[in-house]
Amino acid sequence: MTYSGAVKVGGPADVHELADLMISKVAVGEMNNNAYLLRCRATGAQLLIDAAAEPATLIGLIGDDGIESVVTTHRHGDHWGALAEVVESTGARTYAGAHDAEGIPVATDVLVRDGDTITVGRVSLTARHLVGHTPGSIALVYDDPHGHPHVFTGDCLFPGGVGNTHGDAAAFTSLLDDVEAKIFAPLPDETWVYPGHGNDTALGAERPHLAEWRERGW
């Protein structure tokens, strides 16, 4: 079946099958958070992005093969609500942005900085530090050697705009500057965007609107 990225809380995961990586997207919790399970097709190794809520749902998605690691995109509580239970169940190593880890009440094993590489089996993800939604938000870029890139943006980029900066003009400018420089500038229009809530998008769908986002200030 064709992957759409449209999921709902209580519904099944949607699976994006790439040549080297399988991406399972599921919606969990009262804030309709997205969690993403990445599986290396060569080795079976698995990584979870954002143990947001509903630990039983996430542990069921992970299955008997377990996970090697959990990456938390940022410090907001709706993105780590199930982290303690998932780590206790799986023994996974925890990763978070170096400037957000102190705000996550589960110990972070690996502090992530801009440009760091996180691996799942034979697949490599590159972390991009984006400042504005929180001080230490990270996005993860998978540059698929067989196709276009894929980027997991947490709450920093959505269809229609960047993440909420709560009316803080300096934070908004910082976030949009970082998203433009580290996501839009180096990556092509075909790049698939997996956000922390709601539907997916592509950079090409959002790029024409960057100037209007800056003008409106959110």
N, C-alpha and C. Protein backbone atom coordinates (compact mmCIF):
# COMPACT_ATOMS: atom_id res chain seq x y z
N MET A 1 0.84 -1.20 0.00
CA MET A 1 0.00 0.00 0.00
C MET A 1 0.88 1.25 0.00
N THR A 2 0.36 2.33 -0.57
CA THR A 2 1.10 3.58 -0.64
C THR A 2 1.08 4.29 0.71
N TYR A 3 2.25 4.76 1.12
CA TYR A 3 2.37 5.50 2.38
C TYR A 3 1.80 6.90 2.20
N SER A 4 0.96 7.33 3.16
CA SER A 4 0.41 8.68 3.11
C SER A 4 0.89 9.54 4.28
N GLY A 5 1.24 8.88 5.40
CA GLY A 5 1.61 9.62 6.59
C GLY A 5 0.43 10.15 7.38
N ALA A 6 -0.78 9.83 6.97
CA ALA A 6 -1.98 10.26 7.68
C ALA A 6 -2.35 9.18 8.70
N VAL A 7 -2.14 9.48 9.96
CA VAL A 7 -2.45 8.53 11.03
C VAL A 7 -3.32 9.22 12.07
N LYS A 8 -4.02 8.43 12.87
CA LYS A 8 -4.83 8.99 13.93
C LYS A 8 -4.66 8.18 15.20
N VAL A 9 -4.85 8.83 16.33
CA VAL A 9 -4.71 8.16 17.62
C VAL A 9 -5.70 7.00 17.69
N GLY A 10 -5.20 5.85 18.09
CA GLY A 10 -6.02 4.65 18.16
C GLY A 10 -6.04 3.85 16.88
N GLY A 11 -5.50 4.42 15.80
CA GLY A 11 -5.47 3.74 14.52
C GLY A 11 -4.15 3.03 14.29
N PRO A 12 -4.03 2.35 13.17
CA PRO A 12 -2.80 1.60 12.89
C PRO A 12 -1.66 2.52 12.47
N ALA A 13 -0.46 1.99 12.54
CA ALA A 13 0.70 2.69 12.02
C ALA A 13 0.65 2.71 10.49
N ASP A 14 1.25 3.73 9.92
CA ASP A 14 1.46 3.77 8.47
C ASP A 14 2.94 3.53 8.23
N VAL A 15 3.26 2.68 7.28
CA VAL A 15 4.64 2.24 7.08
C VAL A 15 5.17 2.73 5.74
N HIS A 16 6.29 3.45 5.79
CA HIS A 16 6.97 3.94 4.60
C HIS A 16 8.16 3.02 4.35
N GLU A 17 8.09 2.25 3.29
CA GLU A 17 9.12 1.26 3.00
C GLU A 17 10.13 1.84 2.00
N LEU A 18 11.34 2.08 2.48
CA LEU A 18 12.42 2.54 1.63
C LEU A 18 13.36 1.37 1.35
N ALA A 19 14.34 1.57 0.49
CA ALA A 19 15.22 0.48 0.11
C ALA A 19 15.99 -0.08 1.31
N ASP A 20 16.49 0.79 2.17
CA ASP A 20 17.32 0.36 3.30
C ASP A 20 16.66 0.55 4.65
N LEU A 21 15.51 1.21 4.69
CA LEU A 21 14.91 1.63 5.96
C LEU A 21 13.40 1.51 5.88
N MET A 22 12.81 1.00 6.95
CA MET A 22 11.35 1.01 7.10
C MET A 22 11.00 2.02 8.18
N ILE A 23 10.06 2.90 7.88
CA ILE A 23 9.63 3.95 8.80
C ILE A 23 8.17 3.71 9.14
N SER A 24 7.89 3.41 10.42
CA SER A 24 6.52 3.21 10.88
C SER A 24 6.09 4.42 11.69
N LYS A 25 5.02 5.07 11.27
CA LYS A 25 4.51 6.27 11.93
C LYS A 25 3.22 5.93 12.66
N VAL A 26 3.14 6.35 13.93
CA VAL A 26 1.94 6.12 14.71
C VAL A 26 1.60 7.38 15.48
N ALA A 27 0.32 7.66 15.66
CA ALA A 27 -0.14 8.80 16.44
C ALA A 27 -0.55 8.34 17.83
N VAL A 28 -0.12 9.07 18.85
CA VAL A 28 -0.40 8.68 20.23
C VAL A 28 -0.71 9.92 21.06
N GLY A 29 -1.51 9.71 22.12
CA GLY A 29 -1.69 10.71 23.15
C GLY A 29 -2.72 11.79 22.84
N GLU A 30 -3.02 12.58 23.88
CA GLU A 30 -4.04 13.61 23.80
C GLU A 30 -3.66 14.74 22.85
N MET A 31 -2.37 14.93 22.60
CA MET A 31 -1.92 16.00 21.72
C MET A 31 -1.58 15.51 20.32
N ASN A 32 -2.05 14.29 20.01
CA ASN A 32 -1.89 13.75 18.66
C ASN A 32 -0.43 13.79 18.22
N ASN A 33 0.44 13.27 19.07
CA ASN A 33 1.87 13.23 18.75
C ASN A 33 2.19 12.11 17.78
N ASN A 34 3.17 12.37 16.94
CA ASN A 34 3.69 11.32 16.06
C ASN A 34 4.93 10.70 16.69
N ALA A 35 4.98 9.37 16.66
CA ALA A 35 6.19 8.63 17.01
C ALA A 35 6.59 7.84 15.78
N TYR A 36 7.90 7.71 15.57
CA TYR A 36 8.41 7.05 14.38
C TYR A 36 9.37 5.93 14.77
N LEU A 37 9.08 4.73 14.30
CA LEU A 37 9.97 3.59 14.51
C LEU A 37 10.74 3.35 13.22
N LEU A 38 12.06 3.43 13.30
CA LEU A 38 12.93 3.22 12.15
C LEU A 38 13.58 1.84 12.27
N ARG A 39 13.52 1.08 11.20
CA ARG A 39 14.10 -0.27 11.19
C ARG A 39 15.04 -0.42 10.00
N CYS A 40 16.29 -0.76 10.29
CA CYS A 40 17.28 -1.05 9.25
C CYS A 40 16.90 -2.38 8.60
N ARG A 41 16.69 -2.37 7.31
CA ARG A 41 16.25 -3.58 6.63
C ARG A 41 17.36 -4.62 6.54
N ALA A 42 18.61 -4.19 6.58
CA ALA A 42 19.72 -5.15 6.47
C ALA A 42 19.97 -5.90 7.76
N THR A 43 19.82 -5.21 8.90
CA THR A 43 20.21 -5.80 10.18
C THR A 43 19.04 -6.06 11.12
N GLY A 44 17.90 -5.40 10.89
CA GLY A 44 16.77 -5.50 11.81
C GLY A 44 16.87 -4.59 13.01
N ALA A 45 17.95 -3.82 13.13
CA ALA A 45 18.09 -2.88 14.25
C ALA A 45 17.01 -1.81 14.16
N GLN A 46 16.55 -1.36 15.34
CA GLN A 46 15.46 -0.40 15.39
C GLN A 46 15.79 0.79 16.29
N LEU A 47 15.22 1.95 15.92
CA LEU A 47 15.37 3.20 16.66
C LEU A 47 14.01 3.86 16.71
N LEU A 48 13.65 4.43 17.85
CA LEU A 48 12.38 5.13 18.02
C LEU A 48 12.64 6.62 18.15
N ILE A 49 11.89 7.42 17.39
CA ILE A 49 11.94 8.88 17.53
C ILE A 49 10.70 9.32 18.30
N ASP A 50 10.91 9.88 19.48
CA ASP A 50 9.89 10.43 20.37
C ASP A 50 8.96 9.36 20.96
N ALA A 51 9.31 8.90 22.15
CA ALA A 51 8.43 8.04 22.95
C ALA A 51 7.42 8.96 23.63
N ALA A 52 6.45 9.40 22.85
CA ALA A 52 5.64 10.55 23.24
C ALA A 52 4.58 10.22 24.30
N ALA A 53 3.86 9.12 24.12
CA ALA A 53 2.74 8.76 24.99
C ALA A 53 2.36 7.32 24.69
N GLU A 54 1.39 6.80 25.47
CA GLU A 54 0.87 5.45 25.24
C GLU A 54 1.98 4.40 25.15
N PRO A 55 2.68 4.14 26.25
CA PRO A 55 3.80 3.19 26.18
C PRO A 55 3.39 1.82 25.65
N ALA A 56 2.21 1.36 25.97
CA ALA A 56 1.79 0.04 25.48
C ALA A 56 1.71 0.02 23.96
N THR A 57 1.22 1.13 23.38
CA THR A 57 1.14 1.22 21.92
C THR A 57 2.53 1.19 21.30
N LEU A 58 3.44 1.95 21.90
CA LEU A 58 4.79 2.01 21.34
C LEU A 58 5.54 0.69 21.52
N ILE A 59 5.39 0.07 22.67
CA ILE A 59 6.06 -1.21 22.91
C ILE A 59 5.50 -2.28 21.98
N GLY A 60 4.20 -2.22 21.71
CA GLY A 60 3.61 -3.14 20.74
C GLY A 60 4.13 -2.91 19.33
N LEU A 61 4.31 -1.64 18.97
CA LEU A 61 4.87 -1.31 17.65
C LEU A 61 6.30 -1.82 17.53
N ILE A 62 7.08 -1.65 18.59
CA ILE A 62 8.48 -2.09 18.59
C ILE A 62 8.57 -3.60 18.40
N GLY A 63 7.73 -4.32 19.10
CA GLY A 63 7.69 -5.78 18.95
C GLY A 63 8.82 -6.48 19.69
N ASP A 64 8.96 -7.77 19.40
CA ASP A 64 9.91 -8.61 20.13
C ASP A 64 11.37 -8.30 19.80
N ASP A 65 11.64 -7.63 18.70
CA ASP A 65 13.03 -7.34 18.33
C ASP A 65 13.64 -6.22 19.15
N GLY A 66 12.82 -5.47 19.86
CA GLY A 66 13.34 -4.40 20.71
C GLY A 66 13.89 -3.23 19.91
N ILE A 67 14.44 -2.27 20.62
CA ILE A 67 15.07 -1.12 19.98
C ILE A 67 16.43 -0.89 20.62
N GLU A 68 17.33 -0.35 19.83
CA GLU A 68 18.65 -0.01 20.35
C GLU A 68 18.67 1.37 20.99
N SER A 69 17.82 2.27 20.50
CA SER A 69 17.90 3.65 20.96
C SER A 69 16.57 4.36 20.81
N VAL A 70 16.41 5.42 21.63
CA VAL A 70 15.28 6.34 21.53
C VAL A 70 15.84 7.75 21.43
N VAL A 71 15.43 8.48 20.40
CA VAL A 71 15.82 9.87 20.24
C VAL A 71 14.63 10.75 20.60
N THR A 72 14.85 11.69 21.52
CA THR A 72 13.82 12.66 21.88
C THR A 72 14.14 13.97 21.18
N THR A 73 13.21 14.46 20.36
CA THR A 73 13.50 15.62 19.53
C THR A 73 13.63 16.91 20.34
N HIS A 74 12.91 17.00 21.47
CA HIS A 74 13.02 18.19 22.30
C HIS A 74 12.38 17.95 23.66
N ARG A 75 12.50 18.93 24.53
CA ARG A 75 12.20 18.76 25.95
C ARG A 75 10.73 18.81 26.33
N HIS A 76 9.84 19.19 25.45
CA HIS A 76 8.44 19.34 25.83
C HIS A 76 7.83 18.00 26.22
N GLY A 77 7.04 18.03 27.29
CA GLY A 77 6.57 16.79 27.91
C GLY A 77 5.75 15.89 27.03
N ASP A 78 5.07 16.43 26.04
CA ASP A 78 4.27 15.57 25.17
C ASP A 78 5.14 14.74 24.23
N HIS A 79 6.45 14.97 24.25
CA HIS A 79 7.35 14.18 23.39
C HIS A 79 8.15 13.13 24.16
N TRP A 80 8.04 13.11 25.48
CA TRP A 80 8.75 12.08 26.25
C TRP A 80 7.85 11.41 27.29
N GLY A 81 6.54 11.52 27.15
CA GLY A 81 5.64 11.00 28.17
C GLY A 81 5.74 9.51 28.39
N ALA A 82 6.14 8.75 27.38
CA ALA A 82 6.28 7.29 27.52
C ALA A 82 7.74 6.85 27.57
N LEU A 83 8.65 7.81 27.66
CA LEU A 83 10.07 7.47 27.54
C LEU A 83 10.53 6.55 28.66
N ALA A 84 10.18 6.84 29.89
CA ALA A 84 10.65 6.02 31.01
C ALA A 84 10.20 4.57 30.86
N GLU A 85 8.92 4.38 30.49
CA GLU A 85 8.40 3.02 30.35
C GLU A 85 9.04 2.29 29.18
N VAL A 86 9.24 3.00 28.07
CA VAL A 86 9.85 2.35 26.90
C VAL A 86 11.29 1.96 27.19
N VAL A 87 12.03 2.84 27.85
CA VAL A 87 13.42 2.52 28.18
C VAL A 87 13.49 1.36 29.17
N GLU A 88 12.60 1.37 30.15
CA GLU A 88 12.59 0.27 31.12
C GLU A 88 12.28 -1.06 30.44
N SER A 89 11.38 -1.04 29.47
CA SER A 89 10.97 -2.27 28.78
C SER A 89 12.03 -2.78 27.82
N THR A 90 12.77 -1.86 27.18
CA THR A 90 13.66 -2.25 26.08
C THR A 90 15.14 -2.14 26.40
N GLY A 91 15.49 -1.35 27.42
CA GLY A 91 16.90 -1.11 27.72
C GLY A 91 17.58 -0.22 26.70
N ALA A 92 16.81 0.54 25.94
CA ALA A 92 17.37 1.36 24.87
C ALA A 92 18.23 2.50 25.41
N ARG A 93 19.23 2.88 24.63
CA ARG A 93 20.02 4.08 24.92
C ARG A 93 19.20 5.30 24.54
N THR A 94 19.36 6.37 25.31
CA THR A 94 18.59 7.59 25.08
C THR A 94 19.47 8.68 24.48
N TYR A 95 18.90 9.40 23.52
CA TYR A 95 19.57 10.50 22.84
C TYR A 95 18.67 11.74 22.92
N ALA A 96 19.28 12.90 23.12
CA ALA A 96 18.54 14.16 23.09
C ALA A 96 19.52 15.29 22.82
N GLY A 97 18.99 16.41 22.36
CA GLY A 97 19.82 17.57 22.12
C GLY A 97 20.54 18.02 23.38
N ALA A 98 21.80 18.42 23.21
CA ALA A 98 22.63 18.76 24.37
C ALA A 98 22.04 19.89 25.20
N HIS A 99 21.27 20.79 24.58
CA HIS A 99 20.73 21.94 25.29
C HIS A 99 19.30 21.71 25.77
N ASP A 100 18.75 20.54 25.53
CA ASP A 100 17.40 20.21 26.02
C ASP A 100 17.39 19.07 27.01
N ALA A 101 18.48 18.34 27.11
CA ALA A 101 18.50 17.12 27.93
C ALA A 101 18.13 17.40 29.38
N GLU A 102 18.56 18.54 29.91
CA GLU A 102 18.28 18.86 31.30
C GLU A 102 16.78 19.00 31.57
N GLY A 103 16.00 19.25 30.54
CA GLY A 103 14.56 19.39 30.71
C GLY A 103 13.79 18.11 30.49
N ILE A 104 14.48 17.01 30.31
CA ILE A 104 13.84 15.70 30.11
C ILE A 104 14.11 14.84 31.33
N PRO A 105 13.08 14.45 32.07
CA PRO A 105 13.30 13.77 33.35
C PRO A 105 13.60 12.29 33.25
N VAL A 106 14.23 11.89 32.17
CA VAL A 106 14.79 10.56 31.99
C VAL A 106 16.24 10.78 31.55
N ALA A 107 17.16 10.10 32.17
CA ALA A 107 18.58 10.35 31.89
C ALA A 107 18.89 10.19 30.40
N THR A 108 19.64 11.15 29.86
CA THR A 108 20.07 11.09 28.47
C THR A 108 21.46 10.47 28.40
N ASP A 109 21.58 9.35 27.69
CA ASP A 109 22.87 8.66 27.58
C ASP A 109 23.81 9.38 26.62
N VAL A 110 23.26 9.94 25.55
CA VAL A 110 24.09 10.58 24.53
C VAL A 110 23.55 11.98 24.25
N LEU A 111 24.37 12.99 24.52
CA LEU A 111 24.01 14.37 24.22
C LEU A 111 24.33 14.64 22.75
N VAL A 112 23.34 15.12 22.02
CA VAL A 112 23.46 15.27 20.57
C VAL A 112 23.71 16.74 20.23
N ARG A 113 24.68 16.96 19.36
CA ARG A 113 25.01 18.30 18.88
C ARG A 113 24.88 18.37 17.37
N ASP A 114 24.85 19.59 16.85
CA ASP A 114 24.64 19.79 15.43
C ASP A 114 25.69 19.04 14.61
N GLY A 115 25.22 18.28 13.65
CA GLY A 115 26.11 17.52 12.77
C GLY A 115 26.46 16.13 13.26
N ASP A 116 26.05 15.78 14.48
CA ASP A 116 26.33 14.44 15.00
C ASP A 116 25.60 13.39 14.17
N THR A 117 26.19 12.18 14.14
CA THR A 117 25.60 11.05 13.43
C THR A 117 25.01 10.07 14.43
N ILE A 118 23.79 9.64 14.17
CA ILE A 118 23.12 8.59 14.95
C ILE A 118 22.84 7.45 14.00
N THR A 119 23.21 6.25 14.38
CA THR A 119 23.04 5.11 13.48
C THR A 119 21.95 4.16 13.98
N VAL A 120 21.32 3.51 13.04
CA VAL A 120 20.42 2.40 13.31
C VAL A 120 20.79 1.32 12.31
N GLY A 121 21.48 0.30 12.81
CA GLY A 121 22.02 -0.71 11.91
C GLY A 121 23.02 -0.09 10.96
N ARG A 122 22.81 -0.24 9.67
CA ARG A 122 23.71 0.31 8.65
C ARG A 122 23.26 1.68 8.14
N VAL A 123 22.22 2.20 8.73
CA VAL A 123 21.65 3.48 8.30
C VAL A 123 22.15 4.60 9.22
N SER A 124 22.51 5.72 8.63
CA SER A 124 23.01 6.87 9.40
C SER A 124 22.05 8.04 9.28
N LEU A 125 21.83 8.71 10.42
CA LEU A 125 21.02 9.92 10.48
C LEU A 125 21.91 11.06 10.95
N THR A 126 21.73 12.23 10.38
CA THR A 126 22.49 13.41 10.79
C THR A 126 21.61 14.34 11.58
N ALA A 127 22.08 14.74 12.76
CA ALA A 127 21.31 15.62 13.63
C ALA A 127 21.55 17.08 13.25
N ARG A 128 20.48 17.86 13.26
CA ARG A 128 20.57 19.30 13.04
C ARG A 128 19.95 20.01 14.24
N HIS A 129 20.74 20.86 14.88
CA HIS A 129 20.31 21.62 16.05
C HIS A 129 19.55 22.85 15.58
N LEU A 130 18.30 22.98 16.01
CA LEU A 130 17.43 24.08 15.58
C LEU A 130 16.95 24.82 16.83
N VAL A 131 17.27 26.10 16.93
CA VAL A 131 17.01 26.88 18.15
C VAL A 131 15.80 27.78 17.95
N GLY A 132 14.84 27.69 18.87
CA GLY A 132 13.71 28.60 18.82
C GLY A 132 12.46 28.02 19.44
N HIS A 133 12.05 26.84 18.99
CA HIS A 133 10.91 26.18 19.65
C HIS A 133 11.32 25.80 21.06
N THR A 134 12.51 25.26 21.19
CA THR A 134 13.21 25.09 22.47
C THR A 134 14.68 25.38 22.22
N PRO A 135 15.50 25.49 23.28
CA PRO A 135 16.92 25.77 23.05
C PRO A 135 17.68 24.64 22.38
N GLY A 136 17.20 23.41 22.53
CA GLY A 136 17.99 22.27 22.05
C GLY A 136 17.26 21.30 21.16
N SER A 137 16.25 21.76 20.44
CA SER A 137 15.53 20.88 19.52
C SER A 137 16.49 20.32 18.47
N ILE A 138 16.25 19.09 18.07
CA ILE A 138 17.02 18.48 17.00
C ILE A 138 16.09 17.89 15.94
N ALA A 139 16.52 18.01 14.70
CA ALA A 139 15.91 17.29 13.58
C ALA A 139 16.89 16.21 13.15
N LEU A 140 16.37 15.16 12.53
CA LEU A 140 17.21 14.06 12.05
C LEU A 140 17.03 13.91 10.56
N VAL A 141 18.13 13.94 9.83
CA VAL A 141 18.10 13.85 8.36
C VAL A 141 18.63 12.48 7.93
N TYR A 142 17.83 11.77 7.14
CA TYR A 142 18.28 10.54 6.49
C TYR A 142 18.44 10.83 5.01
N ASP A 143 19.65 10.83 4.54
CA ASP A 143 19.94 11.07 3.13
C ASP A 143 19.97 9.72 2.42
N ASP A 144 18.83 9.32 1.92
CA ASP A 144 18.66 8.01 1.31
C ASP A 144 19.53 7.89 0.06
N PRO A 145 20.49 6.97 0.04
CA PRO A 145 21.36 6.84 -1.14
C PRO A 145 20.62 6.34 -2.37
N HIS A 146 19.42 5.83 -2.18
CA HIS A 146 18.64 5.29 -3.29
C HIS A 146 17.53 6.23 -3.74
N GLY A 147 17.44 7.40 -3.11
CA GLY A 147 16.34 8.30 -3.44
C GLY A 147 16.57 9.67 -2.83
N HIS A 148 15.49 10.30 -2.43
CA HIS A 148 15.57 11.65 -1.87
C HIS A 148 15.74 11.60 -0.35
N PRO A 149 16.15 12.70 0.27
CA PRO A 149 16.29 12.71 1.73
C PRO A 149 14.94 12.67 2.45
N HIS A 150 15.04 12.33 3.73
CA HIS A 150 13.90 12.30 4.65
C HIS A 150 14.34 13.01 5.92
N VAL A 151 13.47 13.86 6.49
CA VAL A 151 13.86 14.60 7.68
C VAL A 151 12.74 14.56 8.72
N PHE A 152 13.13 14.22 9.94
CA PHE A 152 12.22 14.15 11.07
C PHE A 152 12.41 15.45 11.87
N THR A 153 11.39 16.30 11.87
CA THR A 153 11.59 17.68 12.31
C THR A 153 11.08 17.99 13.71
N GLY A 154 10.54 16.99 14.43
CA GLY A 154 10.00 17.30 15.75
C GLY A 154 8.95 18.40 15.62
N ASP A 155 9.03 19.42 16.49
CA ASP A 155 8.07 20.52 16.42
C ASP A 155 8.68 21.77 15.79
N CYS A 156 9.70 21.60 14.95
CA CYS A 156 10.36 22.76 14.34
C CYS A 156 9.85 23.10 12.95
N LEU A 157 9.23 22.15 12.26
CA LEU A 157 8.70 22.41 10.93
C LEU A 157 7.49 21.54 10.69
N PHE A 158 6.41 22.19 10.24
CA PHE A 158 5.14 21.53 9.94
C PHE A 158 4.66 21.98 8.57
N PRO A 159 3.63 21.32 8.03
CA PRO A 159 2.96 21.90 6.87
C PRO A 159 2.42 23.28 7.25
N GLY A 160 2.85 24.30 6.54
CA GLY A 160 2.33 25.64 6.79
C GLY A 160 3.15 26.52 7.70
N GLY A 161 4.25 26.04 8.23
CA GLY A 161 5.05 26.92 9.06
C GLY A 161 6.01 26.22 9.99
N VAL A 162 6.79 27.03 10.70
CA VAL A 162 7.69 26.50 11.71
C VAL A 162 6.94 26.30 13.02
N GLY A 163 7.61 25.74 14.02
CA GLY A 163 6.97 25.46 15.29
C GLY A 163 6.61 26.71 16.07
N ASN A 164 5.81 26.51 17.10
CA ASN A 164 5.32 27.60 17.94
C ASN A 164 6.46 28.21 18.74
N THR A 165 6.59 29.52 18.67
CA THR A 165 7.57 30.24 19.49
C THR A 165 6.88 31.20 20.45
N HIS A 166 5.57 31.03 20.63
CA HIS A 166 4.79 31.68 21.69
C HIS A 166 4.94 33.21 21.66
N GLY A 167 4.96 33.77 20.47
CA GLY A 167 5.01 35.21 20.34
C GLY A 167 6.34 35.86 20.60
N ASP A 168 7.38 35.04 20.80
CA ASP A 168 8.73 35.56 21.05
C ASP A 168 9.39 35.82 19.69
N ALA A 169 9.51 37.10 19.33
CA ALA A 169 10.01 37.45 18.00
C ALA A 169 11.42 36.95 17.77
N ALA A 170 12.27 37.05 18.79
CA ALA A 170 13.66 36.60 18.64
C ALA A 170 13.72 35.09 18.46
N ALA A 171 12.90 34.35 19.20
CA ALA A 171 12.87 32.89 19.07
C ALA A 171 12.36 32.49 17.69
N PHE A 172 11.34 33.20 17.20
CA PHE A 172 10.82 32.90 15.86
C PHE A 172 11.89 33.13 14.79
N THR A 173 12.57 34.26 14.88
CA THR A 173 13.61 34.55 13.90
C THR A 173 14.71 33.51 13.95
N SER A 174 15.11 33.12 15.15
CA SER A 174 16.14 32.09 15.30
C SER A 174 15.71 30.78 14.67
N LEU A 175 14.47 30.37 14.95
CA LEU A 175 13.99 29.09 14.43
C LEU A 175 13.89 29.12 12.91
N LEU A 176 13.31 30.17 12.37
CA LEU A 176 13.19 30.23 10.92
C LEU A 176 14.56 30.32 10.25
N ASP A 177 15.48 31.09 10.85
CA ASP A 177 16.84 31.16 10.31
C ASP A 177 17.48 29.77 10.27
N ASP A 178 17.36 29.03 11.38
CA ASP A 178 17.98 27.70 11.44
C ASP A 178 17.32 26.74 10.46
N VAL A 179 15.99 26.77 10.40
CA VAL A 179 15.28 25.87 9.48
C VAL A 179 15.66 26.17 8.03
N GLU A 180 15.78 27.45 7.71
CA GLU A 180 16.19 27.82 6.34
C GLU A 180 17.62 27.36 6.05
N ALA A 181 18.54 27.62 6.99
CA ALA A 181 19.96 27.35 6.75
C ALA A 181 20.29 25.86 6.80
N LYS A 182 19.64 25.13 7.70
CA LYS A 182 20.05 23.74 7.95
C LYS A 182 19.13 22.69 7.33
N ILE A 183 17.92 23.11 6.94
CA ILE A 183 16.99 22.17 6.32
C ILE A 183 16.71 22.55 4.87
N PHE A 184 16.17 23.75 4.65
CA PHE A 184 15.80 24.13 3.29
C PHE A 184 17.00 24.33 2.38
N ALA A 185 18.05 24.98 2.87
CA ALA A 185 19.19 25.30 2.00
C ALA A 185 19.92 24.06 1.48
N PRO A 186 20.24 23.08 2.34
CA PRO A 186 21.03 21.95 1.84
C PRO A 186 20.21 20.82 1.23
N LEU A 187 18.89 20.82 1.42
CA LEU A 187 18.09 19.67 1.01
C LEU A 187 17.17 20.03 -0.14
N PRO A 188 16.90 19.09 -1.04
CA PRO A 188 16.10 19.37 -2.23
C PRO A 188 14.60 19.38 -1.93
N ASP A 189 13.85 19.88 -2.90
CA ASP A 189 12.40 19.97 -2.76
C ASP A 189 11.74 18.61 -2.50
N GLU A 190 12.35 17.54 -3.00
CA GLU A 190 11.75 16.21 -2.85
C GLU A 190 11.85 15.67 -1.43
N THR A 191 12.59 16.34 -0.57
CA THR A 191 12.79 15.87 0.81
C THR A 191 11.45 15.70 1.51
N TRP A 192 11.25 14.50 2.07
CA TRP A 192 10.02 14.19 2.80
C TRP A 192 10.18 14.65 4.24
N VAL A 193 9.16 15.35 4.77
CA VAL A 193 9.20 15.91 6.11
C VAL A 193 8.22 15.16 7.01
N TYR A 194 8.75 14.64 8.13
CA TYR A 194 7.96 13.93 9.12
C TYR A 194 7.91 14.78 10.39
N PRO A 195 6.81 15.47 10.66
CA PRO A 195 6.76 16.36 11.83
C PRO A 195 6.31 15.65 13.11
N GLY A 196 6.38 16.40 14.20
CA GLY A 196 6.03 15.85 15.51
C GLY A 196 4.55 15.69 15.76
N HIS A 197 3.74 16.35 14.96
CA HIS A 197 2.28 16.24 15.04
C HIS A 197 1.72 16.34 13.63
N GLY A 198 0.63 15.65 13.37
CA GLY A 198 -0.10 15.85 12.14
C GLY A 198 0.52 15.22 10.90
N ASN A 199 0.10 15.73 9.76
CA ASN A 199 0.46 15.13 8.48
C ASN A 199 1.88 15.49 8.05
N ASP A 200 2.41 14.66 7.17
CA ASP A 200 3.72 14.90 6.58
C ASP A 200 3.61 15.98 5.51
N THR A 201 4.77 16.42 5.03
CA THR A 201 4.82 17.35 3.91
C THR A 201 6.13 17.11 3.17
N ALA A 202 6.43 17.97 2.21
CA ALA A 202 7.70 17.94 1.50
C ALA A 202 8.27 19.35 1.46
N LEU A 203 9.58 19.45 1.41
CA LEU A 203 10.18 20.79 1.41
C LEU A 203 9.72 21.61 0.23
N GLY A 204 9.50 20.97 -0.91
CA GLY A 204 9.05 21.71 -2.09
C GLY A 204 7.68 22.34 -1.91
N ALA A 205 6.83 21.73 -1.09
CA ALA A 205 5.51 22.30 -0.83
C ALA A 205 5.59 23.52 0.07
N GLU A 206 6.60 23.57 0.92
CA GLU A 206 6.72 24.64 1.91
C GLU A 206 7.66 25.77 1.48
N ARG A 207 8.65 25.46 0.65
CA ARG A 207 9.68 26.44 0.30
C ARG A 207 9.12 27.76 -0.27
N PRO A 208 8.09 27.72 -1.13
CA PRO A 208 7.59 28.98 -1.69
C PRO A 208 7.01 29.93 -0.65
N HIS A 209 6.75 29.44 0.56
CA HIS A 209 6.06 30.23 1.57
C HIS A 209 7.00 30.79 2.64
N LEU A 210 8.30 30.56 2.51
CA LEU A 210 9.23 31.00 3.56
C LEU A 210 9.16 32.50 3.79
N ALA A 211 9.10 33.27 2.73
CA ALA A 211 9.06 34.72 2.89
C ALA A 211 7.80 35.18 3.59
N GLU A 212 6.67 34.57 3.29
CA GLU A 212 5.42 34.97 3.95
C GLU A 212 5.41 34.55 5.41
N TRP A 213 6.03 33.41 5.73
CA TRP A 213 6.15 33.05 7.14
C TRP A 213 6.94 34.11 7.90
N ARG A 214 8.03 34.54 7.29
CA ARG A 214 8.87 35.54 7.96
C ARG A 214 8.09 36.85 8.13
N GLU A 215 7.33 37.22 7.14
CA GLU A 215 6.58 38.47 7.21
C GLU A 215 5.48 38.42 8.27
N ARG A 216 4.80 37.28 8.37
CA ARG A 216 3.71 37.19 9.34
C ARG A 216 4.23 37.01 10.78
N GLY A 217 5.45 36.49 10.93
CA GLY A 217 6.07 36.41 12.24
C GLY A 217 5.71 35.19 13.07
N TRP A 218 5.19 34.13 12.39
CA TRP A 218 4.92 32.89 13.10
C TRP A 218 4.86 31.73 12.09
